[in-house]
PDB file of N, CA and C in Angstrom:
ATOM      1  N   MET A   1       0.845  -1.169   0.000  1.00  0.00           N
ATOM      2  CA  MET A   1       0.000   0.000   0.000  1.00  0.00           C
ATOM      3  C   MET A   1       0.894   1.237   0.000  1.00  0.00           C
ATOM      4  N   LYS A   2       0.522   2.194  -0.808  1.00  0.00           N
ATOM      5  CA  LYS A   2       1.298   3.424  -0.907  1.00  0.00           C
ATOM      6  C   LYS A   2       1.087   4.298   0.319  1.00  0.00           C
ATOM      7  N   LYS A   3       2.022   5.219   0.518  1.00  0.00           N
ATOM      8  CA  LYS A   3       1.963   6.103   1.688  1.00  0.00           C
ATOM      9  C   LYS A   3       0.699   6.968   1.676  1.00  0.00           C
ATOM     10  N   ASN A   4       0.349   7.507   0.506  1.00  0.00           N
ATOM     11  CA  ASN A   4      -0.850   8.343   0.401  1.00  0.00           C
ATOM     12  C   ASN A   4      -2.115   7.558   0.730  1.00  0.00           C
ATOM     13  N   GLN A   5      -2.150   6.291   0.338  1.00  0.00           N
ATOM     14  CA  GLN A   5      -3.331   5.478   0.620  1.00  0.00           C
ATOM     15  C   GLN A   5      -3.481   5.225   2.113  1.00  0.00           C
ATOM     16  N   SER A   6      -2.377   4.901   2.788  1.00  0.00           N
ATOM     17  CA  SER A   6      -2.484   4.648   4.229  1.00  0.00           C
ATOM     18  C   SER A   6      -2.835   5.910   4.997  1.00  0.00           C
ATOM     19  N   ILE A   7      -2.262   7.036   4.620  1.00  0.00           N
ATOM     20  CA  ILE A   7      -2.608   8.292   5.281  1.00  0.00           C
ATOM     21  C   ILE A   7      -4.062   8.654   4.983  1.00  0.00           C
ATOM     22  N   GLY A   8      -4.506   8.421   3.758  1.00  0.00           N
ATOM     23  CA  GLY A   8      -5.884   8.694   3.377  1.00  0.00           C
ATOM     24  C   GLY A   8      -6.880   7.865   4.176  1.00  0.00           C
ATOM     25  N   ILE A   9      -6.573   6.586   4.383  1.00  0.00           N
ATOM     26  CA  ILE A   9      -7.459   5.725   5.167  1.00  0.00           C
ATOM     27  C   ILE A   9      -7.518   6.190   6.616  1.00  0.00           C
ATOM     28  N   ILE A  10      -6.384   6.567   7.172  1.00  0.00           N
ATOM     29  CA  ILE A  10      -6.346   7.050   8.556  1.00  0.00           C
ATOM     30  C   ILE A  10      -7.147   8.349   8.690  1.00  0.00           C
ATOM     31  N   LEU A  11      -6.937   9.287   7.766  1.00  0.00           N
ATOM     32  CA  LEU A  11      -7.665  10.558   7.810  1.00  0.00           C
ATOM     33  C   LEU A  11      -9.163  10.359   7.615  1.00  0.00           C
ATOM     34  N   LEU A  12      -9.532   9.462   6.731  1.00  0.00           N
ATOM     35  CA  LEU A  12     -10.942   9.173   6.515  1.00  0.00           C
ATOM     36  C   LEU A  12     -11.570   8.581   7.781  1.00  0.00           C
ATOM     37  N   GLY A  13     -10.845   7.695   8.446  1.00  0.00           N
ATOM     38  CA  GLY A  13     -11.337   7.122   9.696  1.00  0.00           C
ATOM     39  C   GLY A  13     -11.506   8.168  10.782  1.00  0.00           C
ATOM     40  N   ILE A  14     -10.559   9.084  10.886  1.00  0.00           N
ATOM     41  CA  ILE A  14     -10.648  10.162  11.875  1.00  0.00           C
ATOM     42  C   ILE A  14     -11.836  11.072  11.561  1.00  0.00           C
ATOM     43  N   GLY A  15     -12.026  11.387  10.288  1.00  0.00           N
ATOM     44  CA  GLY A  15     -13.156  12.221   9.889  1.00  0.00           C
ATOM     45  C   GLY A  15     -14.486  11.572  10.201  1.00  0.00           C
ATOM     46  N   VAL A  16     -14.602  10.281   9.928  1.00  0.00           N
ATOM     47  CA  VAL A  16     -15.841   9.559  10.227  1.00  0.00           C
ATOM     48  C   VAL A  16     -16.085   9.526  11.735  1.00  0.00           C
ATOM     49  N   PHE A  17     -15.023   9.354  12.522  1.00  0.00           N
ATOM     50  CA  PHE A  17     -15.176   9.353  13.972  1.00  0.00           C
ATOM     51  C   PHE A  17     -15.683  10.704  14.481  1.00  0.00           C
ATOM     52  N   PHE A  18     -15.131  11.806  13.961  1.00  0.00           N
ATOM     53  CA  PHE A  18     -15.592  13.135  14.375  1.00  0.00           C
ATOM     54  C   PHE A  18     -17.073  13.342  14.033  1.00  0.00           C
ATOM     55  N   ILE A  19     -17.488  12.892  12.847  1.00  0.00           N
ATOM     56  CA  ILE A  19     -18.887  13.025  12.457  1.00  0.00           C
ATOM     57  C   ILE A  19     -19.772  12.170  13.368  1.00  0.00           C
ATOM     58  N   TYR A  20     -19.338  10.940  13.648  1.00  0.00           N
ATOM     59  CA  TYR A  20     -20.088  10.066  14.543  1.00  0.00           C
ATOM     60  C   TYR A  20     -20.202  10.676  15.938  1.00  0.00           C
ATOM     61  N   TRP A  21     -19.096  11.204  16.442  1.00  0.00           N
ATOM     62  CA  TRP A  21     -19.082  11.809  17.780  1.00  0.00           C
ATOM     63  C   TRP A  21     -20.043  13.002  17.842  1.00  0.00           C
ATOM     64  N   ALA A  22     -20.032  13.829  16.804  1.00  0.00           N
ATOM     65  CA  ALA A  22     -20.922  14.990  16.783  1.00  0.00           C
ATOM     66  C   ALA A  22     -22.386  14.549  16.750  1.00  0.00           C
ATOM     67  N   GLN A  23     -22.687  13.518  15.979  1.00  0.00           N
ATOM     68  CA  GLN A  23     -24.072  13.073  15.868  1.00  0.00           C
ATOM     69  C   GLN A  23     -24.574  12.411  17.154  1.00  0.00           C
ATOM     70  N   THR A  24     -23.712  11.686  17.854  1.00  0.00           N
ATOM     71  CA  THR A  24     -24.160  11.011  19.069  1.00  0.00           C
ATOM     72  C   THR A  24     -24.229  11.937  20.270  1.00  0.00           C
ATOM     73  N   HIS A  25     -23.608  13.101  20.188  1.00  0.00           N
ATOM     74  CA  HIS A  25     -23.624  14.065  21.286  1.00  0.00           C
ATOM     75  C   HIS A  25     -24.267  15.384  20.850  1.00  0.00           C
ATOM     76  N   SER A  26     -25.217  15.276  19.945  1.00  0.00           N
ATOM     77  CA  SER A  26     -25.864  16.431  19.333  1.00  0.00           C
ATOM     78  C   SER A  26     -26.766  17.183  20.307  1.00  0.00           C
ATOM     79  N   PRO A  27     -26.745  18.519  20.261  1.00  0.00           N
ATOM     80  CA  PRO A  27     -27.676  19.299  21.077  1.00  0.00           C
ATOM     81  C   PRO A  27     -29.032  19.472  20.400  1.00  0.00           C
ATOM     82  N   LYS A  28     -29.185  18.984  19.182  1.00  0.00           N
ATOM     83  CA  LYS A  28     -30.386  19.214  18.395  1.00  0.00           C
ATOM     84  C   LYS A  28     -31.534  18.263  18.742  1.00  0.00           C
ATOM     85  N   ASN A  29     -31.235  17.006  19.017  1.00  0.00           N
ATOM     86  CA  ASN A  29     -32.268  16.009  19.258  1.00  0.00           C
ATOM     87  C   ASN A  29     -32.628  16.004  20.741  1.00  0.00           C
ATOM     88  N   LEU A  30     -33.820  16.450  21.081  1.00  0.00           N
ATOM     89  CA  LEU A  30     -34.234  16.577  22.476  1.00  0.00           C
ATOM     90  C   LEU A  30     -34.227  15.231  23.190  1.00  0.00           C
ATOM     91  N   GLY A  31     -34.606  14.172  22.496  1.00  0.00           N
ATOM     92  CA  GLY A  31     -34.594  12.844  23.112  1.00  0.00           C
ATOM     93  C   GLY A  31     -33.199  12.414  23.523  1.00  0.00           C
ATOM     94  N   LYS A  32     -32.215  12.701  22.662  1.00  0.00           N
ATOM     95  CA  LYS A  32     -30.835  12.357  22.996  1.00  0.00           C
ATOM     96  C   LYS A  32     -30.302  13.229  24.123  1.00  0.00           C
ATOM     97  N   VAL A  33     -30.679  14.493  24.153  1.00  0.00           N
ATOM     98  CA  VAL A  33     -30.227  15.393  25.214  1.00  0.00           C
ATOM     99  C   VAL A  33     -30.736  14.893  26.560  1.00  0.00           C
ATOM    100  N   ILE A  34     -31.994  14.501  26.610  1.00  0.00           N
ATOM    101  CA  ILE A  34     -32.566  13.986  27.860  1.00  0.00           C
ATOM    102  C   ILE A  34     -31.922  12.642  28.208  1.00  0.00           C
ATOM    103  N   GLY A  35     -31.749  11.785  27.211  1.00  0.00           N
ATOM    104  CA  GLY A  35     -31.097  10.493  27.440  1.00  0.00           C
ATOM    105  C   GLY A  35     -29.666  10.652  27.920  1.00  0.00           C
ATOM    106  N   ASN A  36     -28.941  11.612  27.332  1.00  0.00           N
ATOM    107  CA  ASN A  36     -27.569  11.870  27.766  1.00  0.00           C
ATOM    108  C   ASN A  36     -27.526  12.410  29.194  1.00  0.00           C
ATOM    109  N   ALA A  37     -28.508  13.213  29.568  1.00  0.00           N
ATOM    110  CA  ALA A  37     -28.547  13.755  30.932  1.00  0.00           C
ATOM    111  C   ALA A  37     -28.750  12.644  31.958  1.00  0.00           C
ATOM    112  N   PHE A  38     -29.614  11.678  31.642  1.00  0.00           N
ATOM    113  CA  PHE A  38     -29.869  10.589  32.579  1.00  0.00           C
ATOM    114  C   PHE A  38     -28.738   9.568  32.614  1.00  0.00           C
ATOM    115  N   SER A  39     -28.083   9.359  31.481  1.00  0.00           N
ATOM    116  CA  SER A  39     -27.014   8.361  31.444  1.00  0.00           C
ATOM    117  C   SER A  39     -25.665   8.935  31.868  1.00  0.00           C
ATOM    118  N   GLY A  40     -25.587  10.248  32.042  1.00  0.00           N
ATOM    119  CA  GLY A  40     -24.333  10.880  32.437  1.00  0.00           C
ATOM    120  C   GLY A  40     -23.408  11.146  31.266  1.00  0.00           C
ATOM    121  N   SER A  41     -23.916  11.055  30.055  1.00  0.00           N
ATOM    122  CA  SER A  41     -23.106  11.289  28.870  1.00  0.00           C
ATOM    123  C   SER A  41     -23.025  12.792  28.585  1.00  0.00           C
ATOM    124  N   TYR A  42     -22.158  13.147  27.678  1.00  0.00           N
ATOM    125  CA  TYR A  42     -21.864  14.542  27.337  1.00  0.00           C
ATOM    126  C   TYR A  42     -22.755  15.000  26.193  1.00  0.00           C
ATOM    127  N   THR A  43     -23.310  16.202  26.288  1.00  0.00           N
ATOM    128  CA  THR A  43     -24.034  16.844  25.188  1.00  0.00           C
ATOM    129  C   THR A  43     -23.275  18.110  24.813  1.00  0.00           C
ATOM    130  N   MET A  44     -22.938  18.232  23.539  1.00  0.00           N
ATOM    131  CA  MET A  44     -22.153  19.376  23.066  1.00  0.00           C
ATOM    132  C   MET A  44     -22.988  20.646  23.018  1.00  0.00           C
ATOM    133  N   SER A  45     -22.291  21.773  23.095  1.00  0.00           N
ATOM    134  CA  SER A  45     -22.956  23.037  22.804  1.00  0.00           C
ATOM    135  C   SER A  45     -23.143  23.119  21.286  1.00  0.00           C
ATOM    136  N   GLU A  46     -23.967  24.039  20.859  1.00  0.00           N
ATOM    137  CA  GLU A  46     -24.248  24.143  19.428  1.00  0.00           C
ATOM    138  C   GLU A  46     -23.000  24.525  18.636  1.00  0.00           C
ATOM    139  N   PHE A  47     -22.174  25.412  19.194  1.00  0.00           N
ATOM    140  CA  PHE A  47     -20.943  25.818  18.516  1.00  0.00           C
ATOM    141  C   PHE A  47     -19.984  24.641  18.362  1.00  0.00           C
ATOM    142  N   SER A  48     -19.774  23.886  19.439  1.00  0.00           N
ATOM    143  CA  SER A  48     -18.840  22.757  19.366  1.00  0.00           C
ATOM    144  C   SER A  48     -19.398  21.644  18.481  1.00  0.00           C
ATOM    145  N   TYR A  49     -20.718  21.506  18.426  1.00  0.00           N
ATOM    146  CA  TYR A  49     -21.339  20.514  17.539  1.00  0.00           C
ATOM    147  C   TYR A  49     -21.012  20.824  16.084  1.00  0.00           C
ATOM    148  N   TYR A  50     -21.250  22.073  15.657  1.00  0.00           N
ATOM    149  CA  TYR A  50     -20.986  22.438  14.265  1.00  0.00           C
ATOM    150  C   TYR A  50     -19.487  22.451  13.958  1.00  0.00           C
ATOM    151  N   THR A  51     -18.674  22.813  14.931  1.00  0.00           N
ATOM    152  CA  THR A  51     -17.225  22.790  14.725  1.00  0.00           C
ATOM    153  C   THR A  51     -16.741  21.360  14.512  1.00  0.00           C
ATOM    154  N   CYS A  52     -17.183  20.447  15.361  1.00  0.00           N
ATOM    155  CA  CYS A  52     -16.793  19.045  15.259  1.00  0.00           C
ATOM    156  C   CYS A  52     -17.309  18.431  13.963  1.00  0.00           C
ATOM    157  N   LEU A  53     -18.531  18.751  13.588  1.00  0.00           N
ATOM    158  CA  LEU A  53     -19.106  18.236  12.350  1.00  0.00           C
ATOM    159  C   LEU A  53     -18.340  18.757  11.133  1.00  0.00           C
ATOM    160  N   GLY A  54     -18.047  20.050  11.106  1.00  0.00           N
ATOM    161  CA  GLY A  54     -17.291  20.627   9.993  1.00  0.00           C
ATOM    162  C   GLY A  54     -15.879  20.092   9.912  1.00  0.00           C
ATOM    163  N   LEU A  55     -15.247  19.923  11.066  1.00  0.00           N
ATOM    164  CA  LEU A  55     -13.893  19.372  11.097  1.00  0.00           C
ATOM    165  C   LEU A  55     -13.887  17.934  10.595  1.00  0.00           C
ATOM    166  N   GLY A  56     -14.880  17.154  10.988  1.00  0.00           N
ATOM    167  CA  GLY A  56     -14.970  15.770  10.520  1.00  0.00           C
ATOM    168  C   GLY A  56     -15.162  15.682   9.020  1.00  0.00           C
ATOM    169  N   ILE A  57     -16.002  16.560   8.486  1.00  0.00           N
ATOM    170  CA  ILE A  57     -16.235  16.566   7.038  1.00  0.00           C
ATOM    171  C   ILE A  57     -14.964  16.972   6.302  1.00  0.00           C
ATOM    172  N   ALA A  58     -14.282  17.997   6.797  1.00  0.00           N
ATOM    173  CA  ALA A  58     -13.058  18.473   6.137  1.00  0.00           C
ATOM    174  C   ALA A  58     -11.956  17.409   6.173  1.00  0.00           C
ATOM    175  N   ILE A  59     -11.762  16.774   7.325  1.00  0.00           N
ATOM    176  CA  ILE A  59     -10.728  15.742   7.432  1.00  0.00           C
ATOM    177  C   ILE A  59     -11.084  14.540   6.562  1.00  0.00           C
ATOM    178  N   GLY A  60     -12.368  14.161   6.551  1.00  0.00           N
ATOM    179  CA  GLY A  60     -12.797  13.042   5.715  1.00  0.00           C
ATOM    180  C   GLY A  60     -12.598  13.309   4.235  1.00  0.00           C
ATOM    181  N   LEU A  61     -12.937  14.511   3.791  1.00  0.00           N
ATOM    182  CA  LEU A  61     -12.741  14.854   2.377  1.00  0.00           C
ATOM    183  C   LEU A  61     -11.262  14.887   2.004  1.00  0.00           C
ATOM    184  N   TYR A  62     -10.433  15.388   2.915  1.00  0.00           N
ATOM    185  CA  TYR A  62      -8.988  15.395   2.657  1.00  0.00           C
ATOM    186  C   TYR A  62      -8.461  13.962   2.579  1.00  0.00           C
ATOM    187  N   GLY A  63      -8.989  13.081   3.417  1.00  0.00           N
ATOM    188  CA  GLY A  63      -8.604  11.676   3.357  1.00  0.00           C
ATOM    189  C   GLY A  63      -9.007  11.032   2.040  1.00  0.00           C
ATOM    190  N   ILE A  64     -10.179  11.375   1.535  1.00  0.00           N
ATOM    191  CA  ILE A  64     -10.634  10.842   0.246  1.00  0.00           C
ATOM    192  C   ILE A  64      -9.734  11.351  -0.873  1.00  0.00           C
ATOM    193  N   LEU A  65      -9.358  12.633  -0.804  1.00  0.00           N
ATOM    194  CA  LEU A  65      -8.442  13.177  -1.820  1.00  0.00           C
ATOM    195  C   LEU A  65      -7.089  12.481  -1.776  1.00  0.00           C
ATOM    196  N   LYS A  66      -6.604  12.180  -0.575  1.00  0.00           N
ATOM    197  CA  LYS A  66      -5.332  11.450  -0.454  1.00  0.00           C
ATOM    198  C   LYS A  66      -5.452  10.041  -1.032  1.00  0.00           C
ATOM    199  N   LEU A  67      -6.594   9.404  -0.833  1.00  0.00           N
ATOM    200  CA  LEU A  67      -6.799   8.061  -1.388  1.00  0.00           C
ATOM    201  C   LEU A  67      -6.837   8.081  -2.907  1.00  0.00           C
ATOM    202  N   MET A  68      -7.398   9.140  -3.468  1.00  0.00           N
ATOM    203  CA  MET A  68      -7.537   9.210  -4.917  1.00  0.00           C
ATOM    204  C   MET A  68      -6.250   9.642  -5.619  1.00  0.00           C
ATOM    205  N   LYS A  69      -5.325  10.236  -4.874  1.00  0.00           N
ATOM    206  CA  LYS A  69      -4.070  10.691  -5.457  1.00  0.00           C
ATOM    207  C   LYS A  69      -3.234   9.481  -5.900  1.00  0.00           C
ATOM    208  N   LYS A  70      -2.702   9.544  -7.085  1.00  0.00           N
ATOM    209  CA  LYS A  70      -1.988   8.381  -7.655  1.00  0.00           C
ATOM    210  C   LYS A  70      -0.563   8.241  -7.135  1.00  0.00           C
ATOM    211  N   ALA A  71       0.144   9.334  -6.930  1.00  0.00           N
ATOM    212  CA  ALA A  71       1.559   9.236  -6.560  1.00  0.00           C
ATOM    213  C   ALA A  71       1.777   9.373  -5.096  1.00  0.00           C
TER     214      ALA A  71
END
C-alpha cells in the first residue's frame, strides 16, 4: 500500500469518527439530550457541535483526496 493510501485511510477514519461523535452528542435532538442527561453522557454546545461536524467533514474529504491521489 502506498503512503498516500495509508494516510488517506487514517484521515478518513478520523473524519468519520468526528462526524459520529458529533451526531451522538448532538444538542439538536431533544430525546438524545434527555437520554444523555440521565445516562451521564456529554451533550455538546451548538458551537462545538458544528465545529466538530465541519472538522470531521473536512478531514474526511482530505482523506478521500489522499486516497484518490496516484503518486
